Amino acid sequence: MKTFIKEIKVGLNFGSGIQPVGRLAIRDGIIYFQYDEEFLQTNLEISPVRLPLHRDVIELPKDPFEGLASVFNDSLPDGWGRIDEN
């Protein structure tokens, strides 16, 4: 059986274009994050506790935040944003 990996690229936009930060991937229900090599050079900490700046792939815990680091979960709709009005 093949295992498919879904991936999304993460970036920051401070008004002068999108700066690549890294990529999130999910495999077998587990979410992983890896920084973009150029972003590591900036020394900008987006989440020092959960996502320390290093080249390795980081496996994110399932709890809390549905398997995402809080810096990414905070950018998603909250409970009100997930209500289906239909």
PDB file of N, CA and C in Angstrom:
ATOM      1  N   MET A   1       0.841  -1.181   0.000  1.00  0.00           N
ATOM      2  CA  MET A   1       0.000   0.000   0.000  1.00  0.00           C
ATOM      3  C   MET A   1       0.887   1.245   0.000  1.00  0.00           C
ATOM      4  N   LYS A   2       0.579   2.187  -0.876  1.00  0.00           N
ATOM      5  CA  LYS A   2       1.337   3.429  -0.948  1.00  0.00           C
ATOM      6  C   LYS A   2       0.888   4.401   0.129  1.00  0.00           C
ATOM      7  N   THR A   3       1.859   5.115   0.701  1.00  0.00           N
ATOM      8  CA  THR A   3       1.555   6.170   1.657  1.00  0.00           C
ATOM      9  C   THR A   3       1.792   7.499   0.964  1.00  0.00           C
ATOM     10  N   PHE A   4       0.765   8.330   0.907  1.00  0.00           N
ATOM     11  CA  PHE A   4       0.887   9.624   0.274  1.00  0.00           C
ATOM     12  C   PHE A   4       1.233  10.684   1.305  1.00  0.00           C
ATOM     13  N   ILE A   5       2.071  11.615   0.905  1.00  0.00           N
ATOM     14  CA  ILE A   5       2.466  12.720   1.768  1.00  0.00           C
ATOM     15  C   ILE A   5       1.870  13.988   1.194  1.00  0.00           C
ATOM     16  N   LYS A   6       1.122  14.712   2.021  1.00  0.00           N
ATOM     17  CA  LYS A   6       0.576  16.004   1.618  1.00  0.00           C
ATOM     18  C   LYS A   6       1.455  17.075   2.230  1.00  0.00           C
ATOM     19  N   GLU A   7       1.715  18.126   1.459  1.00  0.00           N
ATOM     20  CA  GLU A   7       2.654  19.154   1.899  1.00  0.00           C
ATOM     21  C   GLU A   7       2.094  20.544   1.608  1.00  0.00           C
ATOM     22  N   ILE A   8       2.407  21.474   2.495  1.00  0.00           N
ATOM     23  CA  ILE A   8       2.039  22.872   2.288  1.00  0.00           C
ATOM     24  C   ILE A   8       3.258  23.730   2.624  1.00  0.00           C
ATOM     25  N   LYS A   9       3.499  24.731   1.805  1.00  0.00           N
ATOM     26  CA  LYS A   9       4.623  25.632   2.056  1.00  0.00           C
ATOM     27  C   LYS A   9       4.154  26.779   2.939  1.00  0.00           C
ATOM     28  N   VAL A  10       5.023  27.192   3.869  1.00  0.00           N
ATOM     29  CA  VAL A  10       4.706  28.230   4.837  1.00  0.00           C
ATOM     30  C   VAL A  10       5.598  29.431   4.558  1.00  0.00           C
ATOM     31  N   GLY A  11       4.996  30.637   4.609  1.00  0.00           N
ATOM     32  CA  GLY A  11       5.778  31.843   4.379  1.00  0.00           C
ATOM     33  C   GLY A  11       5.281  32.998   5.218  1.00  0.00           C
ATOM     34  N   LEU A  12       6.099  34.027   5.294  1.00  0.00           N
ATOM     35  CA  LEU A  12       5.755  35.269   5.991  1.00  0.00           C
ATOM     36  C   LEU A  12       5.720  36.400   4.982  1.00  0.00           C
ATOM     37  N   ASN A  13       4.776  37.324   5.176  1.00  0.00           N
ATOM     38  CA  ASN A  13       4.705  38.487   4.304  1.00  0.00           C
ATOM     39  C   ASN A  13       4.638  39.731   5.174  1.00  0.00           C
ATOM     40  N   PHE A  14       5.719  40.495   5.172  1.00  0.00           N
ATOM     41  CA  PHE A  14       5.782  41.733   5.939  1.00  0.00           C
ATOM     42  C   PHE A  14       5.508  42.938   5.046  1.00  0.00           C
ATOM     43  N   GLY A  15       4.897  42.703   3.882  1.00  0.00           N
ATOM     44  CA  GLY A  15       4.538  43.786   2.972  1.00  0.00           C
ATOM     45  C   GLY A  15       5.449  43.921   1.770  1.00  0.00           C
ATOM     46  N   SER A  16       6.544  43.208   1.753  1.00  0.00           N
ATOM     47  CA  SER A  16       7.462  43.322   0.618  1.00  0.00           C
ATOM     48  C   SER A  16       7.582  41.998  -0.137  1.00  0.00           C
ATOM     49  N   GLY A  17       6.599  41.142  -0.004  1.00  0.00           N
ATOM     50  CA  GLY A  17       6.624  39.842  -0.669  1.00  0.00           C
ATOM     51  C   GLY A  17       6.698  38.714   0.341  1.00  0.00           C
ATOM     52  N   ILE A  18       6.498  37.540  -0.143  1.00  0.00           N
ATOM     53  CA  ILE A  18       6.472  36.367   0.726  1.00  0.00           C
ATOM     54  C   ILE A  18       7.888  35.813   0.902  1.00  0.00           C
ATOM     55  N   GLN A  19       8.265  35.654   2.165  1.00  0.00           N
ATOM     56  CA  GLN A  19       9.548  35.043   2.509  1.00  0.00           C
ATOM     57  C   GLN A  19       9.272  33.600   2.911  1.00  0.00           C
ATOM     58  N   PRO A  20       9.798  32.618   2.180  1.00  0.00           N
ATOM     59  CA  PRO A  20       9.590  31.221   2.562  1.00  0.00           C
ATOM     60  C   PRO A  20      10.124  30.949   3.967  1.00  0.00           C
ATOM     61  N   VAL A  21       9.326  30.249   4.766  1.00  0.00           N
ATOM     62  CA  VAL A  21       9.717  29.875   6.131  1.00  0.00           C
ATOM     63  C   VAL A  21      10.058  28.391   6.188  1.00  0.00           C
ATOM     64  N   GLY A  22       9.243  27.574   5.544  1.00  0.00           N
ATOM     65  CA  GLY A  22       9.468  26.137   5.580  1.00  0.00           C
ATOM     66  C   GLY A  22       8.298  25.403   4.974  1.00  0.00           C
ATOM     67  N   ARG A  23       8.152  24.158   5.381  1.00  0.00           N
ATOM     68  CA  ARG A  23       7.052  23.362   4.851  1.00  0.00           C
ATOM     69  C   ARG A  23       6.491  22.455   5.928  1.00  0.00           C
ATOM     70  N   LEU A  24       5.181  22.286   5.855  1.00  0.00           N
ATOM     71  CA  LEU A  24       4.467  21.345   6.712  1.00  0.00           C
ATOM     72  C   LEU A  24       4.085  20.150   5.850  1.00  0.00           C
ATOM     73  N   ALA A  25       4.178  18.975   6.406  1.00  0.00           N
ATOM     74  CA  ALA A  25       3.777  17.774   5.684  1.00  0.00           C
ATOM     75  C   ALA A  25       3.040  16.864   6.649  1.00  0.00           C
ATOM     76  N   ILE A  26       2.122  16.092   6.104  1.00  0.00           N
ATOM     77  CA  ILE A  26       1.398  15.123   6.926  1.00  0.00           C
ATOM     78  C   ILE A  26       1.564  13.753   6.290  1.00  0.00           C
ATOM     79  N   ARG A  27       1.865  12.798   7.153  1.00  0.00           N
ATOM     80  CA  ARG A  27       2.008  11.412   6.709  1.00  0.00           C
ATOM     81  C   ARG A  27       1.471  10.516   7.815  1.00  0.00           C
ATOM     82  N   ASP A  28       0.557   9.665   7.450  1.00  0.00           N
ATOM     83  CA  ASP A  28      -0.057   8.732   8.409  1.00  0.00           C
ATOM     84  C   ASP A  28      -0.620   9.459   9.622  1.00  0.00           C
ATOM     85  N   GLY A  29      -1.198  10.639   9.408  1.00  0.00           N
ATOM     86  CA  GLY A  29      -1.844  11.386  10.483  1.00  0.00           C
ATOM     87  C   GLY A  29      -0.897  12.177  11.372  1.00  0.00           C
ATOM     88  N   ILE A  30       0.388  12.155  11.066  1.00  0.00           N
ATOM     89  CA  ILE A  30       1.372  12.900  11.857  1.00  0.00           C
ATOM     90  C   ILE A  30       1.864  14.073  11.021  1.00  0.00           C
ATOM     91  N   ILE A  31       1.944  15.257  11.651  1.00  0.00           N
ATOM     92  CA  ILE A  31       2.378  16.463  10.958  1.00  0.00           C
ATOM     93  C   ILE A  31       3.848  16.724  11.265  1.00  0.00           C
ATOM     94  N   TYR A  32       4.576  17.093  10.216  1.00  0.00           N
ATOM     95  CA  TYR A  32       6.006  17.374  10.324  1.00  0.00           C
ATOM     96  C   TYR A  32       6.271  18.778   9.787  1.00  0.00           C
ATOM     97  N   PHE A  33       7.334  19.400  10.292  1.00  0.00           N
ATOM     98  CA  PHE A  33       7.739  20.723   9.807  1.00  0.00           C
ATOM     99  C   PHE A  33       9.236  20.721   9.558  1.00  0.00           C
ATOM    100  N   GLN A  34       9.638  21.430   8.499  1.00  0.00           N
ATOM    101  CA  GLN A  34      11.060  21.633   8.230  1.00  0.00           C
ATOM    102  C   GLN A  34      11.259  23.054   7.719  1.00  0.00           C
ATOM    103  N   TYR A  35      12.241  23.737   8.309  1.00  0.00           N
ATOM    104  CA  TYR A  35      12.547  25.102   7.904  1.00  0.00           C
ATOM    105  C   TYR A  35      13.181  25.148   6.519  1.00  0.00           C
ATOM    106  N   ASP A  36      12.902  26.226   5.797  1.00  0.00           N
ATOM    107  CA  ASP A  36      13.584  26.553   4.554  1.00  0.00           C
ATOM    108  C   ASP A  36      15.026  26.933   4.897  1.00  0.00           C
ATOM    109  N   GLU A  37      15.956  26.481   4.104  1.00  0.00           N
ATOM    110  CA  GLU A  37      17.376  26.718   4.377  1.00  0.00           C
ATOM    111  C   GLU A  37      17.699  28.213   4.476  1.00  0.00           C
ATOM    112  N   GLU A  38      17.141  29.023   3.600  1.00  0.00           N
ATOM    113  CA  GLU A  38      17.406  30.471   3.632  1.00  0.00           C
ATOM    114  C   GLU A  38      16.802  31.122   4.877  1.00  0.00           C
ATOM    115  N   PHE A  39      15.647  30.634   5.318  1.00  0.00           N
ATOM    116  CA  PHE A  39      15.016  31.209   6.504  1.00  0.00           C
ATOM    117  C   PHE A  39      15.878  30.980   7.744  1.00  0.00           C
ATOM    118  N   LEU A  40      16.540  29.845   7.810  1.00  0.00           N
ATOM    119  CA  LEU A  40      17.418  29.568   8.950  1.00  0.00           C
ATOM    120  C   LEU A  40      18.487  30.644   9.105  1.00  0.00           C
ATOM    121  N   GLN A  41      18.924  31.227   8.005  1.00  0.00           N
ATOM    122  CA  GLN A  41      19.969  32.256   8.024  1.00  0.00           C
ATOM    123  C   GLN A  41      19.485  33.555   8.685  1.00  0.00           C
ATOM    124  N   THR A  42      18.157  33.768   8.745  1.00  0.00           N
ATOM    125  CA  THR A  42      17.619  35.009   9.316  1.00  0.00           C
ATOM    126  C   THR A  42      17.679  35.028  10.837  1.00  0.00           C
ATOM    127  N   ASN A  43      17.769  33.845  11.456  1.00  0.00           N
ATOM    128  CA  ASN A  43      17.740  33.703  12.921  1.00  0.00           C
ATOM    129  C   ASN A  43      16.450  34.232  13.542  1.00  0.00           C
ATOM    130  N   LEU A  44      15.384  34.305  12.773  1.00  0.00           N
ATOM    131  CA  LEU A  44      14.079  34.749  13.266  1.00  0.00           C
ATOM    132  C   LEU A  44      13.353  33.544  13.872  1.00  0.00           C
ATOM    133  N   GLU A  45      13.064  33.620  15.159  1.00  0.00           N
ATOM    134  CA  GLU A  45      12.382  32.529  15.871  1.00  0.00           C
ATOM    135  C   GLU A  45      10.866  32.725  15.760  1.00  0.00           C
ATOM    136  N   ILE A  46      10.178  31.819  15.079  1.00  0.00           N
ATOM    137  CA  ILE A  46       8.721  31.939  14.982  1.00  0.00           C
ATOM    138  C   ILE A  46       8.023  31.197  16.114  1.00  0.00           C
ATOM    139  N   SER A  47       8.705  30.232  16.711  1.00  0.00           N
ATOM    140  CA  SER A  47       8.166  29.467  17.841  1.00  0.00           C
ATOM    141  C   SER A  47       9.330  28.751  18.525  1.00  0.00           C
ATOM    142  N   PRO A  48      10.065  29.474  19.379  1.00  0.00           N
ATOM    143  CA  PRO A  48      11.310  28.935  19.935  1.00  0.00           C
ATOM    144  C   PRO A  48      11.177  27.621  20.705  1.00  0.00           C
ATOM    145  N   VAL A  49      10.052  27.396  21.362  1.00  0.00           N
ATOM    146  CA  VAL A  49       9.901  26.177  22.164  1.00  0.00           C
ATOM    147  C   VAL A  49       9.562  24.976  21.284  1.00  0.00           C
ATOM    148  N   ARG A  50       8.565  25.117  20.429  1.00  0.00           N
ATOM    149  CA  ARG A  50       8.102  23.986  19.607  1.00  0.00           C
ATOM    150  C   ARG A  50       8.899  23.815  18.315  1.00  0.00           C
ATOM    151  N   LEU A  51       9.409  24.933  17.765  1.00  0.00           N
ATOM    152  CA  LEU A  51      10.097  24.881  16.475  1.00  0.00           C
ATOM    153  C   LEU A  51      11.455  25.561  16.550  1.00  0.00           C
ATOM    154  N   PRO A  52      12.390  24.977  17.282  1.00  0.00           N
ATOM    155  CA  PRO A  52      13.714  25.591  17.351  1.00  0.00           C
ATOM    156  C   PRO A  52      14.348  25.635  15.959  1.00  0.00           C
ATOM    157  N   LEU A  53      15.163  26.635  15.727  1.00  0.00           N
ATOM    158  CA  LEU A  53      15.798  26.796  14.424  1.00  0.00           C
ATOM    159  C   LEU A  53      16.864  25.721  14.211  1.00  0.00           C
ATOM    160  N   HIS A  54      16.554  24.735  13.358  1.00  0.00           N
ATOM    161  CA  HIS A  54      17.553  23.762  12.921  1.00  0.00           C
ATOM    162  C   HIS A  54      17.080  23.094  11.641  1.00  0.00           C
ATOM    163  N   ARG A  55      17.965  22.401  11.000  1.00  0.00           N
ATOM    164  CA  ARG A  55      17.699  21.825   9.672  1.00  0.00           C
ATOM    165  C   ARG A  55      16.868  20.544   9.715  1.00  0.00           C
ATOM    166  N   ASP A  56      16.781  19.900  10.841  1.00  0.00           N
ATOM    167  CA  ASP A  56      16.094  18.612  10.931  1.00  0.00           C
ATOM    168  C   ASP A  56      14.591  18.745  10.730  1.00  0.00           C
ATOM    169  N   VAL A  57      13.973  17.655  10.326  1.00  0.00           N
ATOM    170  CA  VAL A  57      12.514  17.580  10.263  1.00  0.00           C
ATOM    171  C   VAL A  57      12.006  17.440  11.694  1.00  0.00           C
ATOM    172  N   ILE A  58      10.983  18.229  12.038  1.00  0.00           N
ATOM    173  CA  ILE A  58      10.431  18.240  13.392  1.00  0.00           C
ATOM    174  C   ILE A  58       9.062  17.562  13.366  1.00  0.00           C
ATOM    175  N   GLU A  59       8.900  16.507  14.168  1.00  0.00           N
ATOM    176  CA  GLU A  59       7.605  15.843  14.303  1.00  0.00           C
ATOM    177  C   GLU A  59       6.805  16.585  15.358  1.00  0.00           C
ATOM    178  N   LEU A  60       5.617  17.035  14.992  1.00  0.00           N
ATOM    179  CA  LEU A  60       4.794  17.809  15.912  1.00  0.00           C
ATOM    180  C   LEU A  60       3.858  16.888  16.694  1.00  0.00           C
ATOM    181  N   PRO A  61       3.665  17.164  17.990  1.00  0.00           N
ATOM    182  CA  PRO A  61       2.787  16.321  18.802  1.00  0.00           C
ATOM    183  C   PRO A  61       1.317  16.519  18.403  1.00  0.00           C
ATOM    184  N   LYS A  62       0.520  15.475  18.577  1.00  0.00           N
ATOM    185  CA  LYS A  62      -0.905  15.560  18.225  1.00  0.00           C
ATOM    186  C   LYS A  62      -1.671  16.508  19.142  1.00  0.00           C
ATOM    187  N   ASP A  63      -1.254  16.624  20.386  1.00  0.00           N
ATOM    188  CA  ASP A  63      -1.928  17.509  21.339  1.00  0.00           C
ATOM    189  C   ASP A  63      -0.950  18.536  21.841  1.00  0.00           C
ATOM    190  N   PRO A  64      -1.301  19.704  22.100  1.00  0.00           N
ATOM    191  CA  PRO A  64      -2.581  20.318  21.757  1.00  0.00           C
ATOM    192  C   PRO A  64      -2.553  20.799  20.298  1.00  0.00           C
ATOM    193  N   PHE A  65      -3.562  21.498  19.902  1.00  0.00           N
ATOM    194  CA  PHE A  65      -3.635  22.183  18.606  1.00  0.00           C
ATOM    195  C   PHE A  65      -3.778  21.249  17.412  1.00  0.00           C
ATOM    196  N   GLU A  66      -4.385  20.094  17.600  1.00  0.00           N
ATOM    197  CA  GLU A  66      -4.719  19.193  16.500  1.00  0.00           C
ATOM    198  C   GLU A  66      -3.512  18.797  15.660  1.00  0.00           C
ATOM    199  N   GLY A  67      -2.353  18.689  16.282  1.00  0.00           N
ATOM    200  CA  GLY A  67      -1.161  18.238  15.594  1.00  0.00           C
ATOM    201  C   GLY A  67      -0.331  19.336  14.958  1.00  0.00           C
ATOM    202  N   LEU A  68      -0.740  20.580  15.123  1.00  0.00           N
ATOM    203  CA  LEU A  68       0.026  21.704  14.586  1.00  0.00           C
ATOM    204  C   LEU A  68       0.743  22.439  15.706  1.00  0.00           C
ATOM    205  N   ALA A  69       1.844  23.059  15.380  1.00  0.00           N
ATOM    206  CA  ALA A  69       2.458  23.983  16.336  1.00  0.00           C
ATOM    207  C   ALA A  69       1.517  25.181  16.465  1.00  0.00           C
ATOM    208  N   SER A  70       1.477  25.798  17.626  1.00  0.00           N
ATOM    209  CA  SER A  70       0.525  26.889  17.869  1.00  0.00           C
ATOM    210  C   SER A  70       0.695  28.048  16.886  1.00  0.00           C
ATOM    211  N   VAL A  71       1.901  28.309  16.431  1.00  0.00           N
ATOM    212  CA  VAL A  71       2.122  29.405  15.491  1.00  0.00           C
ATOM    213  C   VAL A  71       1.333  29.183  14.188  1.00  0.00           C
ATOM    214  N   PHE A  72       1.123  27.950  13.802  1.00  0.00           N
ATOM    215  CA  PHE A  72       0.334  27.655  12.604  1.00  0.00           C
ATOM    216  C   PHE A  72      -1.143  27.524  12.943  1.00  0.00           C
ATOM    217  N   ASN A  73      -1.463  26.895  14.059  1.00  0.00           N
ATOM    218  CA  ASN A  73      -2.854  26.726  14.457  1.00  0.00           C
ATOM    219  C   ASN A  73      -3.531  28.073  14.672  1.00  0.00           C
ATOM    220  N   ASP A  74      -2.794  29.051  15.208  1.00  0.00           N
ATOM    221  CA  ASP A  74      -3.366  30.378  15.455  1.00  0.00           C
ATOM    222  C   ASP A  74      -3.792  31.085  14.172  1.00  0.00           C
ATOM    223  N   SER A  75      -3.262  30.670  13.042  1.00  0.00           N
ATOM    224  CA  SER A  75      -3.618  31.319  11.781  1.00  0.00           C
ATOM    225  C   SER A  75      -4.849  30.682  11.130  1.00  0.00           C
ATOM    226  N   LEU A  76      -5.379  29.627  11.723  1.00  0.00           N
ATOM    227  CA  LEU A  76      -6.552  28.947  11.179  1.00  0.00           C
ATOM    228  C   LEU A  76      -7.827  29.470  11.824  1.00  0.00           C
ATOM    229  N   PRO A  77      -8.978  29.241  11.174  1.00  0.00           N
ATOM    230  CA  PRO A  77     -10.242  29.665  11.788  1.00  0.00           C
ATOM    231  C   PRO A  77     -10.460  28.988  13.141  1.00  0.00           C
ATOM    232  N   ASP A  78     -11.003  29.757  14.093  1.00  0.00           N
ATOM    233  CA  ASP A  78     -11.318  29.168  15.398  1.00  0.00           C
ATOM    234  C   ASP A  78     -12.673  28.466  15.311  1.00  0.00           C
ATOM    235  N   GLY A  79     -13.240  28.098  16.438  1.00  0.00           N
ATOM    236  CA  GLY A  79     -14.516  27.393  16.464  1.00  0.00           C
ATOM    237  C   GLY A  79     -15.614  28.123  15.707  1.00  0.00           C
ATOM    238  N   TRP A  80     -15.663  29.446  15.845  1.00  0.00           N
ATOM    239  CA  TRP A  80     -16.687  30.217  15.139  1.00  0.00           C
ATOM    240  C   TRP A  80     -16.450  30.162  13.637  1.00  0.00           C
ATOM    241  N   GLY A  81     -15.217  30.177  13.243  1.00  0.00           N
ATOM    242  CA  GLY A  81     -14.893  30.135  11.815  1.00  0.00           C
ATOM    243  C   GLY A  81     -15.136  28.792  11.178  1.00  0.00           C
ATOM    244  N   ARG A  82     -15.334  27.765  11.998  1.00  0.00           N
ATOM    245  CA  ARG A  82     -15.559  26.417  11.466  1.00  0.00           C
ATOM    246  C   ARG A  82     -17.040  26.045  11.426  1.00  0.00           C
ATOM    247  N   ILE A  83     -17.903  26.912  11.911  1.00  0.00           N
ATOM    248  CA  ILE A  83     -19.338  26.605  11.929  1.00  0.00           C
ATOM    249  C   ILE A  83     -19.873  26.649  10.516  1.00  0.00           C
ATOM    250  N   ASP A  84     -20.572  25.590  10.125  1.00  0.00           N
ATOM    251  CA  ASP A  84     -21.198  25.515   8.810  1.00  0.00           C
ATOM    252  C   ASP A  84     -22.620  26.067   8.947  1.00  0.00           C
ATOM    253  N   GLU A  85     -22.888  27.140   8.262  1.00  0.00           N
ATOM    254  CA  GLU A  85     -24.197  27.798   8.393  1.00  0.00           C
ATOM    255  C   GLU A  85     -25.282  27.137   7.561  1.00  0.00           C
ATOM    256  N   ASN A  86     -24.944  26.131   6.775  1.00  0.00           N
ATOM    257  CA  ASN A  86     -25.958  25.480   5.922  1.00  0.00           C
ATOM    258  C   ASN A  86     -26.700  24.413   6.625  1.00  0.00           C
TER     259      ASN A  86
END
